C-alpha atoms as a PDB file:
ATOM      1  CA  MET A   1     -70.559  28.714  31.256  1.00  0.00           C
ATOM      2  CA  SER A   2     -67.043  28.409  29.887  1.00  0.00           C
ATOM      3  CA  TYR A   3     -65.674  29.602  26.566  1.00  0.00           C
ATOM      4  CA  LYS A   4     -62.708  29.138  24.261  1.00  0.00           C
ATOM      5  CA  ALA A   5     -61.341  32.339  22.754  1.00  0.00           C
ATOM      6  CA  LEU A   6     -59.213  33.183  19.726  1.00  0.00           C
ATOM      7  CA  ILE A   7     -57.486  36.568  19.447  1.00  0.00           C
ATOM      8  CA  ILE A   8     -56.570  37.746  15.934  1.00  0.00           C
ATOM      9  CA  ASP A   9     -54.292  40.808  15.980  1.00  0.00           C
ATOM     10  CA  ASP A  10     -51.039  41.501  14.159  1.00  0.00           C
ATOM     11  CA  GLU A  11     -49.441  43.301  17.141  1.00  0.00           C
ATOM     12  CA  SER A  12     -48.044  40.949  19.782  1.00  0.00           C
ATOM     13  CA  GLY A  13     -48.274  43.610  22.490  1.00  0.00           C
ATOM     14  CA  ASN A  14     -52.006  43.998  21.909  1.00  0.00           C
ATOM     15  CA  ARG A  15     -52.513  40.238  22.054  1.00  0.00           C
ATOM     16  CA  GLU A  16     -50.511  39.910  25.281  1.00  0.00           C
ATOM     17  CA  PHE A  17     -52.421  42.766  26.881  1.00  0.00           C
ATOM     18  CA  LEU A  18     -55.795  41.250  25.990  1.00  0.00           C
ATOM     19  CA  VAL A  19     -54.712  37.765  27.123  1.00  0.00           C
ATOM     20  CA  GLY A  20     -53.720  39.266  30.476  1.00  0.00           C
ATOM     21  CA  LEU A  21     -57.060  41.033  30.850  1.00  0.00           C
ATOM     22  CA  LEU A  22     -59.011  37.895  29.997  1.00  0.00           C
ATOM     23  CA  LYS A  23     -57.071  35.807  32.509  1.00  0.00           C
ATOM     24  CA  SER A  24     -57.408  38.321  35.321  1.00  0.00           C
ATOM     25  CA  HIS A  25     -60.962  39.573  34.734  1.00  0.00           C
ATOM     26  CA  CYS A  26     -62.862  36.885  32.795  1.00  0.00           C
ATOM     27  CA  PRO A  27     -62.747  33.474  34.518  1.00  0.00           C
ATOM     28  CA  ASP A  28     -65.354  32.078  32.103  1.00  0.00           C
ATOM     29  CA  ILE A  29     -62.738  32.214  29.322  1.00  0.00           C
ATOM     30  CA  ILE A  30     -60.963  28.905  29.930  1.00  0.00           C
ATOM     31  CA  SER A  31     -58.548  28.963  26.997  1.00  0.00           C
ATOM     32  CA  VAL A  32     -57.074  31.685  24.805  1.00  0.00           C
ATOM     33  CA  SER A  33     -55.316  31.119  21.490  1.00  0.00           C
ATOM     34  CA  GLU A  34     -53.589  33.740  19.346  1.00  0.00           C
ATOM     35  CA  ALA A  35     -53.175  34.472  15.642  1.00  0.00           C
ATOM     36  CA  SER A  36     -51.015  37.241  14.204  1.00  0.00           C
ATOM     37  CA  SER A  37     -52.879  37.586  10.894  1.00  0.00           C
ATOM     38  CA  ALA A  38     -56.236  36.969   9.260  1.00  0.00           C
ATOM     39  CA  SER A  39     -54.840  33.996   7.330  1.00  0.00           C
ATOM     40  CA  GLU A  40     -53.414  32.405  10.482  1.00  0.00           C
ATOM     41  CA  GLY A  41     -56.746  32.990  12.209  1.00  0.00           C
ATOM     42  CA  LEU A  42     -58.536  31.158   9.403  1.00  0.00           C
ATOM     43  CA  SER A  43     -56.235  28.158   9.702  1.00  0.00           C
ATOM     44  CA  LEU A  44     -56.822  27.989  13.474  1.00  0.00           C
ATOM     45  CA  LEU A  45     -60.607  28.272  13.336  1.00  0.00           C
ATOM     46  CA  GLU A  46     -61.304  24.684  12.314  1.00  0.00           C
ATOM     47  CA  LYS A  47     -58.693  23.256  14.692  1.00  0.00           C
ATOM     48  CA  LEU A  48     -59.770  25.231  17.746  1.00  0.00           C
ATOM     49  CA  ASP A  49     -63.530  25.672  17.223  1.00  0.00           C
ATOM     50  CA  PRO A  50     -63.583  28.809  19.419  1.00  0.00           C
ATOM     51  CA  ASP A  51     -66.728  30.174  21.043  1.00  0.00           C
ATOM     52  CA  VAL A  52     -65.591  33.771  20.613  1.00  0.00           C
ATOM     53  CA  VAL A  53     -63.129  35.534  18.308  1.00  0.00           C
ATOM     54  CA  PHE A  54     -61.587  38.858  19.328  1.00  0.00           C
ATOM     55  CA  LEU A  55     -60.913  40.348  15.909  1.00  0.00           C
ATOM     56  CA  ASP A  56     -58.747  43.345  15.028  1.00  0.00           C
ATOM     57  CA  ILE A  57     -59.821  45.315  11.949  1.00  0.00           C
ATOM     58  CA  GLU A  58     -56.655  46.912  10.625  1.00  0.00           C
ATOM     59  CA  MET A  59     -53.996  44.284   9.883  1.00  0.00           C
ATOM     60  CA  PRO A  60     -51.438  44.133   7.076  1.00  0.00           C
ATOM     61  CA  GLY A  61     -51.950  41.411   4.503  1.00  0.00           C
ATOM     62  CA  GLY A  62     -55.691  41.130   5.067  1.00  0.00           C
ATOM     63  CA  ASN A  63     -57.912  42.976   7.530  1.00  0.00           C
ATOM     64  CA  GLY A  64     -60.649  41.727   9.813  1.00  0.00           C
ATOM     65  CA  PHE A  65     -63.291  42.115   7.137  1.00  0.00           C
ATOM     66  CA  ASP A  66     -61.209  40.041   4.708  1.00  0.00           C
ATOM     67  CA  PHE A  67     -61.178  37.363   7.409  1.00  0.00           C
ATOM     68  CA  LEU A  68     -64.979  37.455   7.672  1.00  0.00           C
ATOM     69  CA  ASN A  69     -65.382  37.272   3.893  1.00  0.00           C
ATOM     70  CA  LYS A  70     -63.416  34.026   3.840  1.00  0.00           C
ATOM     71  CA  VAL A  71     -65.151  32.395   6.785  1.00  0.00           C
ATOM     72  CA  GLY A  72     -67.992  30.076   5.856  1.00  0.00           C
ATOM     73  CA  GLU A  73     -70.710  29.678   8.457  1.00  0.00           C
ATOM     74  CA  VAL A  74     -70.151  31.901  11.503  1.00  0.00           C
ATOM     75  CA  ASN A  75     -70.868  29.651  14.485  1.00  0.00           C
ATOM     76  CA  PHE A  76     -68.913  31.716  16.977  1.00  0.00           C
ATOM     77  CA  LYS A  77     -69.347  35.119  18.599  1.00  0.00           C
ATOM     78  CA  ILE A  78     -67.302  38.026  17.215  1.00  0.00           C
ATOM     79  CA  ILE A  79     -66.020  40.927  19.289  1.00  0.00           C
ATOM     80  CA  PHE A  80     -64.134  43.526  17.273  1.00  0.00           C
ATOM     81  CA  VAL A  81     -61.121  45.045  19.048  1.00  0.00           C
ATOM     82  CA  THR A  82     -59.948  48.115  17.211  1.00  0.00           C
ATOM     83  CA  ALA A  83     -58.607  51.634  17.301  1.00  0.00           C
ATOM     84  CA  TYR A  84     -60.330  52.305  13.986  1.00  0.00           C
ATOM     85  CA  ASP A  85     -63.324  54.519  14.698  1.00  0.00           C
ATOM     86  CA  ALA A  86     -64.487  55.920  11.376  1.00  0.00           C
ATOM     87  CA  TYR A  87     -66.892  54.416   8.834  1.00  0.00           C
ATOM     88  CA  ALA A  88     -66.142  50.785   9.673  1.00  0.00           C
ATOM     89  CA  LEU A  89     -66.957  51.317  13.341  1.00  0.00           C
ATOM     90  CA  LYS A  90     -70.258  52.915  12.373  1.00  0.00           C
ATOM     91  CA  ALA A  91     -71.065  49.865  10.250  1.00  0.00           C
ATOM     92  CA  ILE A  92     -70.281  47.609  13.220  1.00  0.00           C
ATOM     93  CA  LYS A  93     -72.564  49.646  15.491  1.00  0.00           C
ATOM     94  CA  TYR A  94     -75.364  49.621  12.909  1.00  0.00           C
ATOM     95  CA  SER A  95     -75.064  45.837  12.717  1.00  0.00           C
ATOM     96  CA  ALA A  96     -75.440  45.496  16.515  1.00  0.00           C
ATOM     97  CA  LEU A  97     -72.164  43.597  16.805  1.00  0.00           C
ATOM     98  CA  ASP A  98     -69.907  43.865  19.854  1.00  0.00           C
ATOM     99  CA  TYR A  99     -66.764  45.951  19.728  1.00  0.00           C
ATOM    100  CA  LEU A 100     -64.054  47.191  22.081  1.00  0.00           C
ATOM    101  CA  LEU A 101     -61.888  50.217  21.449  1.00  0.00           C
ATOM    102  CA  LYS A 102     -58.140  50.076  22.049  1.00  0.00           C
ATOM    103  CA  PRO A 103     -56.735  50.354  24.604  1.00  0.00           C
ATOM    104  CA  VAL A 104     -59.252  47.866  25.954  1.00  0.00           C
ATOM    105  CA  ASP A 105     -61.005  48.914  29.138  1.00  0.00           C
ATOM    106  CA  PRO A 106     -61.318  45.980  31.603  1.00  0.00           C
ATOM    107  CA  GLU A 107     -64.903  46.874  32.547  1.00  0.00           C
ATOM    108  CA  GLU A 108     -65.987  46.999  28.900  1.00  0.00           C
ATOM    109  CA  LEU A 109     -64.281  43.665  28.285  1.00  0.00           C
ATOM    110  CA  VAL A 110     -66.124  42.066  31.204  1.00  0.00           C
ATOM    111  CA  LYS A 111     -69.452  43.383  29.857  1.00  0.00           C
ATOM    112  CA  ALA A 112     -68.716  41.978  26.402  1.00  0.00           C
ATOM    113  CA  VAL A 113     -67.822  38.552  27.807  1.00  0.00           C
ATOM    114  CA  GLU A 114     -70.917  38.516  30.020  1.00  0.00           C
ATOM    115  CA  LYS A 115     -73.047  38.868  26.882  1.00  0.00           C
ATOM    116  CA  LEU A 116     -71.712  35.516  25.685  1.00  0.00           C
ATOM    117  CA  SER A 117     -74.213  33.807  27.986  1.00  0.00           C
ATOM    118  CA  ASN A 118     -76.862  34.975  25.494  1.00  0.00           C
ATOM    119  CA  PHE A 119     -74.837  33.369  22.727  1.00  0.00           C
ATOM    120  CA  SER A 120     -76.443  33.105  19.331  1.00  0.00           C
ATOM    121  CA  SER A 121     -74.853  32.982  15.916  1.00  0.00           C
ATOM    122  CA  ASP A 122     -73.750  36.310  14.482  1.00  0.00           C
ATOM    123  CA  SER A 123     -74.308  35.048  10.915  1.00  0.00           C
ATOM    124  CA  ASN A 124     -77.206  37.391  10.107  1.00  0.00           C
ATOM    125  CA  ARG A 125     -75.459  40.384  11.622  1.00  0.00           C
ATOM    126  CA  ILE A 126     -72.238  39.601   9.771  1.00  0.00           C
ATOM    127  CA  GLY A 127     -74.155  39.499   6.515  1.00  0.00           C
ATOM    128  CA  PHE A 128     -75.725  42.792   7.491  1.00  0.00           C
ATOM    129  CA  LEU A 129     -72.302  44.259   8.278  1.00  0.00           C
ATOM    130  CA  LYS A 130     -70.981  43.215   4.875  1.00  0.00           C
ATOM    131  CA  HIS A 131     -73.945  44.915   3.230  1.00  0.00           C
ATOM    132  CA  ASN A 132     -73.309  48.179   5.071  1.00  0.00           C
ATOM    133  CA  LEU A 133     -69.612  48.133   4.211  1.00  0.00           C
ATOM    134  CA  SER A 134     -70.287  47.655   0.512  1.00  0.00           C
ATOM    135  CA  HIS A 135     -73.459  49.747   0.137  1.00  0.00           C
ATOM    136  CA  ARG A 136     -72.772  53.126   1.691  1.00  0.00           C
ATOM    137  CA  GLU A 137     -75.704  54.651  -0.173  1.00  0.00           C
ATOM    138  CA  ASP A 138     -78.145  52.091   1.269  1.00  0.00           C
ATOM    139  CA  ARG A 139     -77.148  51.773   4.901  1.00  0.00           C
ATOM    140  CA  ARG A 140     -79.236  49.709   7.284  1.00  0.00           C
ATOM    141  CA  ILE A 141     -79.410  49.273  11.033  1.00  0.00           C
ATOM    142  CA  ALA A 142     -80.094  46.319  13.318  1.00  0.00           C
ATOM    143  CA  LEU A 143     -82.611  47.157  16.046  1.00  0.00           C
ATOM    144  CA  ALA A 144     -83.020  44.684  18.892  1.00  0.00           C
ATOM    145  CA  THR A 145     -86.452  44.316  20.496  1.00  0.00           C
ATOM    146  CA  GLN A 146     -87.282  41.941  23.336  1.00  0.00           C
ATOM    147  CA  ASP A 147     -88.190  39.154  20.932  1.00  0.00           C
ATOM    148  CA  GLU A 148     -86.280  39.773  17.701  1.00  0.00           C
ATOM    149  CA  VAL A 149     -83.734  41.803  15.765  1.00  0.00           C
ATOM    150  CA  LEU A 150     -85.097  44.025  13.017  1.00  0.00           C
ATOM    151  CA  PHE A 151     -82.932  44.992  10.036  1.00  0.00           C
ATOM    152  CA  VAL A 152     -84.139  48.391   8.823  1.00  0.00           C
ATOM    153  CA  ARG A 153     -83.030  50.731   6.036  1.00  0.00           C
ATOM    154  CA  LEU A 154     -82.144  54.185   7.341  1.00  0.00           C
ATOM    155  CA  ASP A 155     -84.212  55.636   4.503  1.00  0.00           C
ATOM    156  CA  ASP A 156     -87.304  53.912   5.929  1.00  0.00           C
ATOM    157  CA  ILE A 157     -87.001  55.375   9.428  1.00  0.00           C
ATOM    158  CA  ILE A 158     -89.495  58.238   9.666  1.00  0.00           C
ATOM    159  CA  ARG A 159     -88.976  59.374  13.240  1.00  0.00           C
ATOM    160  CA  LEU A 160     -88.164  58.319  16.798  1.00  0.00           C
ATOM    161  CA  GLU A 161     -90.034  59.365  19.915  1.00  0.00           C
ATOM    162  CA  ALA A 162     -88.931  59.155  23.552  1.00  0.00           C
ATOM    163  CA  GLU A 163     -91.050  57.178  26.014  1.00  0.00           C
ATOM    164  CA  ALA A 164     -89.309  57.426  29.413  1.00  0.00           C
ATOM    165  CA  ASN A 165     -86.293  55.086  29.195  1.00  0.00           C
ATOM    166  CA  TYR A 166     -87.548  53.593  25.937  1.00  0.00           C
ATOM    167  CA  THR A 167     -87.736  54.817  22.361  1.00  0.00           C
ATOM    168  CA  ARG A 168     -90.527  54.197  19.870  1.00  0.00           C
ATOM    169  CA  ILE A 169     -89.394  54.071  16.270  1.00  0.00           C
ATOM    170  CA  TYR A 170     -91.718  54.715  13.354  1.00  0.00           C
ATOM    171  CA  ILE A 171     -90.852  52.945  10.101  1.00  0.00           C
ATOM    172  CA  SER A 172     -92.407  53.244   6.642  1.00  0.00           C
ATOM    173  CA  LYS A 173     -95.064  50.596   5.964  1.00  0.00           C
ATOM    174  CA  GLU A 174     -94.435  48.937   9.362  1.00  0.00           C
ATOM    175  CA  LEU A 175     -96.014  49.096  12.797  1.00  0.00           C
ATOM    176  CA  PRO A 176     -94.135  51.243  15.360  1.00  0.00           C
ATOM    177  CA  VAL A 177     -91.528  49.365  17.386  1.00  0.00           C
ATOM    178  CA  LEU A 178     -90.639  49.980  21.038  1.00  0.00           C
ATOM    179  CA  LEU A 179     -86.918  49.699  21.791  1.00  0.00           C
ATOM    180  CA  SER A 180     -85.024  49.708  25.073  1.00  0.00           C
ATOM    181  CA  GLY A 181     -82.697  52.673  25.512  1.00  0.00           C
ATOM    182  CA  ASN A 182     -83.391  56.380  25.693  1.00  0.00           C
ATOM    183  CA  LEU A 183     -83.676  58.668  22.681  1.00  0.00           C
ATOM    184  CA  GLY A 184     -80.216  60.121  23.280  1.00  0.00           C
ATOM    185  CA  SER A 185     -78.600  56.731  22.727  1.00  0.00           C
ATOM    186  CA  TYR A 186     -80.267  56.431  19.319  1.00  0.00           C
ATOM    187  CA  GLU A 187     -79.387  60.012  18.451  1.00  0.00           C
ATOM    188  CA  ARG A 188     -75.713  59.157  19.066  1.00  0.00           C
ATOM    189  CA  LEU A 189     -76.055  55.989  17.001  1.00  0.00           C
ATOM    190  CA  LEU A 190     -77.798  57.754  14.126  1.00  0.00           C
ATOM    191  CA  LEU A 191     -75.154  60.426  13.674  1.00  0.00           C
ATOM    192  CA  ASP A 192     -76.208  61.069  10.120  1.00  0.00           C
ATOM    193  CA  ASP A 193     -77.033  64.280   8.278  1.00  0.00           C
ATOM    194  CA  ARG A 194     -80.566  63.107   7.577  1.00  0.00           C
ATOM    195  CA  PHE A 195     -81.594  62.905  11.274  1.00  0.00           C
ATOM    196  CA  TYR A 196     -82.431  65.973  13.335  1.00  0.00           C
ATOM    197  CA  ARG A 197     -83.429  66.376  16.998  1.00  0.00           C
ATOM    198  CA  THR A 198     -86.357  68.819  16.991  1.00  0.00           C
ATOM    199  CA  HIS A 199     -87.253  68.425  20.646  1.00  0.00           C
ATOM    200  CA  GLN A 200     -86.095  66.548  23.741  1.00  0.00           C
ATOM    201  CA  SER A 201     -88.625  63.833  22.856  1.00  0.00           C
ATOM    202  CA  HIS A 202     -88.353  63.744  19.065  1.00  0.00           C
ATOM    203  CA  LEU A 203     -85.766  62.789  16.435  1.00  0.00           C
ATOM    204  CA  ILE A 204     -86.840  62.989  12.795  1.00  0.00           C
ATOM    205  CA  ASN A 205     -85.595  61.898   9.389  1.00  0.00           C
ATOM    206  CA  LYS A 206     -85.437  65.078   7.313  1.00  0.00           C
ATOM    207  CA  ASP A 207     -86.212  63.101   4.155  1.00  0.00           C
ATOM    208  CA  HIS A 208     -89.665  62.329   5.583  1.00  0.00           C
ATOM    209  CA  ILE A 209     -90.642  65.942   6.291  1.00  0.00           C
ATOM    210  CA  ARG A 210     -93.697  67.039   4.305  1.00  0.00           C
ATOM    211  CA  LYS A 211     -94.216  70.533   5.718  1.00  0.00           C
ATOM    212  CA  TYR A 212     -93.055  72.923   8.395  1.00  0.00           C
ATOM    213  CA  ILE A 213     -96.024  74.685   9.976  1.00  0.00           C
ATOM    214  CA  LYS A 214     -95.003  77.997  11.511  1.00  0.00           C
ATOM    215  CA  THR A 215     -98.181  78.556  13.508  1.00  0.00           C
ATOM    216  CA  GLU A 216     -99.278  76.880  16.759  1.00  0.00           C
ATOM    217  CA  GLY A 217     -95.769  76.969  18.161  1.00  0.00           C
ATOM    218  CA  GLY A 218     -94.215  75.436  15.074  1.00  0.00           C
ATOM    219  CA  TYR A 219     -94.156  71.770  14.079  1.00  0.00           C
ATOM    220  CA  PHE A 220     -93.130  69.415  11.290  1.00  0.00           C
ATOM    221  CA  LEU A 221     -95.730  67.405   9.413  1.00  0.00           C
ATOM    222  CA  MET A 222     -94.154  64.033   8.680  1.00  0.00           C
ATOM    223  CA  SER A 223     -94.821  61.458   5.958  1.00  0.00           C
ATOM    224  CA  ASP A 224     -96.820  59.316   8.403  1.00  0.00           C
ATOM    225  CA  GLY A 225     -99.091  62.246   9.250  1.00  0.00           C
ATOM    226  CA  ALA A 226     -97.515  62.918  12.646  1.00  0.00           C
ATOM    227  CA  GLN A 227     -97.132  66.481  13.874  1.00  0.00           C
ATOM    228  CA  VAL A 228     -93.704  66.698  15.520  1.00  0.00           C
ATOM    229  CA  PRO A 229     -93.200  69.781  17.722  1.00  0.00           C
ATOM    230  CA  VAL A 230     -90.171  72.050  17.606  1.00  0.00           C
ATOM    231  CA  ALA A 231     -88.698  73.104  20.938  1.00  0.00           C
ATOM    232  CA  ARG A 232     -88.747  76.832  21.589  1.00  0.00           C
ATOM    233  CA  LEU A 233     -84.955  76.969  21.822  1.00  0.00           C
ATOM    234  CA  LYS A 234     -84.695  75.219  18.434  1.00  0.00           C
ATOM    235  CA  LYS A 235     -86.804  77.744  16.496  1.00  0.00           C
ATOM    236  CA  GLU A 236     -83.956  79.890  15.204  1.00  0.00           C
ATOM    237  CA  GLU A 237     -81.878  76.842  14.298  1.00  0.00           C
ATOM    238  CA  VAL A 238     -84.824  75.339  12.421  1.00  0.00           C
ATOM    239  CA  LYS A 239     -85.272  78.559  10.452  1.00  0.00           C
ATOM    240  CA  ARG A 240     -81.570  78.577   9.572  1.00  0.00           C
ATOM    241  CA  ILE A 241     -81.463  74.926   8.500  1.00  0.00           C
ATOM    242  CA  PHE A 242     -84.845  74.460   6.842  1.00  0.00           C
ATOM    243  CA  LEU A 243     -86.047  77.906   5.798  1.00  0.00           C
ATOM    244  CA  SER A 244     -82.928  79.724   4.611  1.00  0.00           C
END
């Protein structure tokens, strides 16, 4: 497979560095064009019809999200390239979109480009990203299974349970879903005050706790009726957080 790329970044040094990495590490990228602003990127889109856009977030005169708001149908892959790692980066992660942190690591770049072989439109995920950026009180997350991508409200996640190298997620009014990736990876993704790791195999949404049972070793009774154990080493922490 071969791909045409467009880099949108206001700093020429960043563009030159990324162009160099693409040429030396990513032979499937056969052409690379550059834009120094969101508006210039918009004007080049129709002319170039790129397969992938490497998009910076923070740019004067219109950031990467302004660019996305002005794009019509997204028929290209988007890889965010940014040093911005606060709320916007969390929204990108929740939307299951690709991103690279500056300075770009060659190995991470190669991995991102290799994913292009599974190319599909990012339109749904972009819409999802826009929702998360504008609705902080109603954040949602994209969860990829083998056959589909589920878009789930964080409020509806009851709990997650480890199953070897997989994670089973329990969602209100839905059947449980098995996801690739260990529980630790989802714990890092769901860095949110409402989620708490009670045990090496269990991560719960505190909003779905119905009771804490002190007997029988201690466990949480969840809104779906599950009894989630508390690790022995977590007992004092649980008392401090939930019983003080």
